[in-house]
Amino acid sequence: QLQLVESGGGLVQAGGSLRLSCAASGRTNSSYAMGWFRQAPMEGREFVSAIDWDGVYTYYADSVKGRFTISRDNAKNTVYLQMNSLKPEDTAVYSCAARLPSVRSSYRYPPSYAYWGQGTQVTVSS
């Protein structure tokens, strides 16, 4: 089993920045790809960003491209999401997720991820 815990959420004004962290524990010896998703009230889960095991490839939703940056430190079993130029429409619960290296479906597909964190709230005021 793999446990994921997010941190770094909070309240920020539009134009501000936050850095989310996702710490993994438990079965961390597998080469998991990691993703960030978000869910606003009354909305479905939305793909934000993903990164492969060694950080070579990264993927972003069009809505965050150029503003958000995903990275990982495998020595610390932690994935980060640096969020700049935040907008009120970025307000949501942000969750990280891990998927096994054998999975080949799109990184944007939530069911392709086997493990999920509880989420951290990000609120951007106008």
Protein backbone atom coordinates (compact mmCIF):
# COMPACT_ATOMS: atom_id res chain seq x y z
CA GLN A 1 0.00 0.00 0.00
CA LEU A 2 1.02 3.54 -0.63
CA GLN A 3 -0.12 6.46 1.49
CA LEU A 4 -0.21 10.00 0.11
CA VAL A 5 -0.54 13.15 2.18
CA GLU A 6 -0.92 16.59 0.64
CA SER A 7 0.02 19.88 2.27
CA GLY A 8 0.52 23.50 1.34
CA GLY A 9 -3.00 24.57 0.54
CA GLY A 10 -4.54 27.75 1.88
CA LEU A 11 -6.11 31.08 1.09
CA VAL A 12 -4.32 33.39 -1.34
CA GLN A 13 -5.23 36.48 -3.31
CA ALA A 14 -5.51 36.37 -7.07
CA GLY A 15 -2.08 36.66 -8.64
CA GLY A 16 -0.43 34.98 -5.69
CA SER A 17 1.41 31.68 -5.41
CA LEU A 18 1.23 28.47 -3.45
CA ARG A 19 3.35 25.35 -3.42
CA LEU A 20 1.62 22.07 -2.78
CA SER A 21 3.48 19.00 -1.57
CA CYS A 22 2.51 15.35 -1.71
CA ALA A 23 4.47 13.05 0.57
CA ALA A 24 4.38 9.33 -0.07
CA SER A 25 4.96 6.63 2.51
CA GLY A 26 4.58 2.90 2.66
CA ARG A 27 5.34 0.98 -0.52
CA THR A 28 7.51 3.63 -2.13
CA ASN A 29 9.90 1.29 -3.92
CA SER A 30 7.77 1.11 -7.07
CA SER A 31 8.21 3.51 -9.96
CA TYR A 32 4.98 5.41 -9.64
CA ALA A 33 3.94 8.17 -11.96
CA MET A 34 2.22 10.95 -10.03
CA GLY A 35 -0.63 13.24 -10.84
CA TRP A 36 -2.45 16.22 -9.39
CA PHE A 37 -6.18 16.60 -9.75
CA ARG A 38 -8.62 19.15 -8.42
CA GLN A 39 -12.30 19.28 -7.68
CA ALA A 40 -14.33 22.41 -7.19
CA PRO A 41 -17.73 22.36 -5.46
CA MET A 42 -20.42 20.82 -7.66
CA GLU A 43 -17.81 19.97 -10.28
CA GLY A 44 -16.19 16.75 -11.37
CA ARG A 45 -12.58 15.82 -10.78
CA GLU A 46 -10.29 17.67 -13.16
CA PHE A 47 -6.80 16.73 -14.28
CA VAL A 48 -4.19 19.36 -13.43
CA SER A 49 -0.75 17.90 -14.01
CA ALA A 50 1.26 14.68 -14.03
CA ILE A 51 4.88 13.60 -13.96
CA ASP A 52 6.50 10.31 -14.83
CA TRP A 53 8.73 8.31 -12.49
CA ASP A 54 12.01 10.04 -13.22
CA GLY A 55 10.61 13.47 -13.92
CA VAL A 56 11.56 13.47 -17.58
CA TYR A 57 8.03 13.94 -18.86
CA THR A 58 5.46 16.34 -17.45
CA TYR A 59 1.89 17.00 -18.51
CA TYR A 60 -0.43 19.92 -17.85
CA ALA A 61 -4.02 20.87 -18.37
CA ASP A 62 -4.36 23.78 -20.77
CA SER A 63 -5.93 25.85 -17.99
CA VAL A 64 -2.75 25.77 -15.89
CA LYS A 65 -0.03 25.55 -18.53
CA GLY A 66 2.54 28.28 -18.04
CA ARG A 67 1.38 28.98 -14.47
CA PHE A 68 1.83 25.66 -12.67
CA THR A 69 4.96 23.51 -12.47
CA ILE A 70 5.09 19.91 -11.29
CA SER A 71 8.29 18.37 -9.95
CA ARG A 72 9.40 15.49 -7.78
CA ASP A 73 12.17 14.55 -5.40
CA ASN A 74 12.33 10.76 -5.33
CA ALA A 75 14.89 10.79 -2.52
CA LYS A 76 12.24 12.46 -0.36
CA ASN A 77 9.31 10.56 -1.88
CA THR A 78 7.63 13.88 -2.50
CA VAL A 79 5.93 15.53 -5.45
CA TYR A 80 5.38 19.25 -5.69
CA LEU A 81 3.01 21.54 -7.53
CA GLN A 82 4.18 25.13 -7.76
CA MET A 83 1.20 27.32 -8.56
CA ASN A 84 1.81 30.88 -9.71
CA SER A 85 -0.49 33.62 -11.00
CA LEU A 86 -3.41 31.99 -9.25
CA LYS A 87 -6.92 32.82 -10.34
CA PRO A 88 -10.24 32.53 -8.50
CA GLU A 89 -11.18 29.69 -10.87
CA ASP A 90 -8.26 27.68 -9.46
CA THR A 91 -10.19 27.35 -6.20
CA ALA A 92 -10.68 23.65 -5.47
CA VAL A 93 -9.58 20.71 -3.38
CA TYR A 94 -6.30 19.50 -4.84
CA SER A 95 -5.41 15.83 -4.57
CA CYS A 96 -2.35 13.92 -5.58
CA ALA A 97 -2.47 10.43 -6.95
CA ALA A 98 -0.07 7.64 -7.87
CA ARG A 99 -0.28 5.05 -10.58
CA LEU A 100 1.66 1.90 -11.25
CA PRO A 101 4.30 1.87 -14.01
CA SER A 102 2.43 -0.85 -15.91
CA VAL A 103 -0.52 1.47 -16.59
CA ARG A 104 -0.58 2.83 -20.14
CA SER A 105 -3.78 4.86 -20.28
CA SER A 106 -3.77 8.63 -20.36
CA TYR A 107 -2.33 10.46 -17.39
CA ARG A 108 -5.49 12.57 -17.46
CA TYR A 109 -7.70 9.57 -16.65
CA PRO A 110 -8.43 9.43 -12.88
CA PRO A 111 -9.29 5.69 -12.75
CA SER A 112 -5.75 4.94 -13.98
CA TYR A 113 -4.44 5.99 -10.56
CA ALA A 114 -4.40 3.39 -7.80
CA TYR A 115 -3.67 5.59 -4.79
CA TRP A 116 -5.08 8.94 -3.73
CA GLY A 117 -4.45 11.46 -1.00
CA GLN A 118 -7.14 13.16 1.04
CA GLY A 119 -6.67 16.51 -0.65
CA THR A 120 -5.82 20.03 0.39
CA GLN A 121 -8.03 23.08 -0.06
CA VAL A 122 -6.83 25.94 -2.24
CA THR A 123 -8.91 29.11 -2.17
CA VAL A 124 -8.08 32.07 -4.39
CA SER A 125 -9.85 35.31 -3.57
CA SER A 126 -10.50 38.00 -6.15
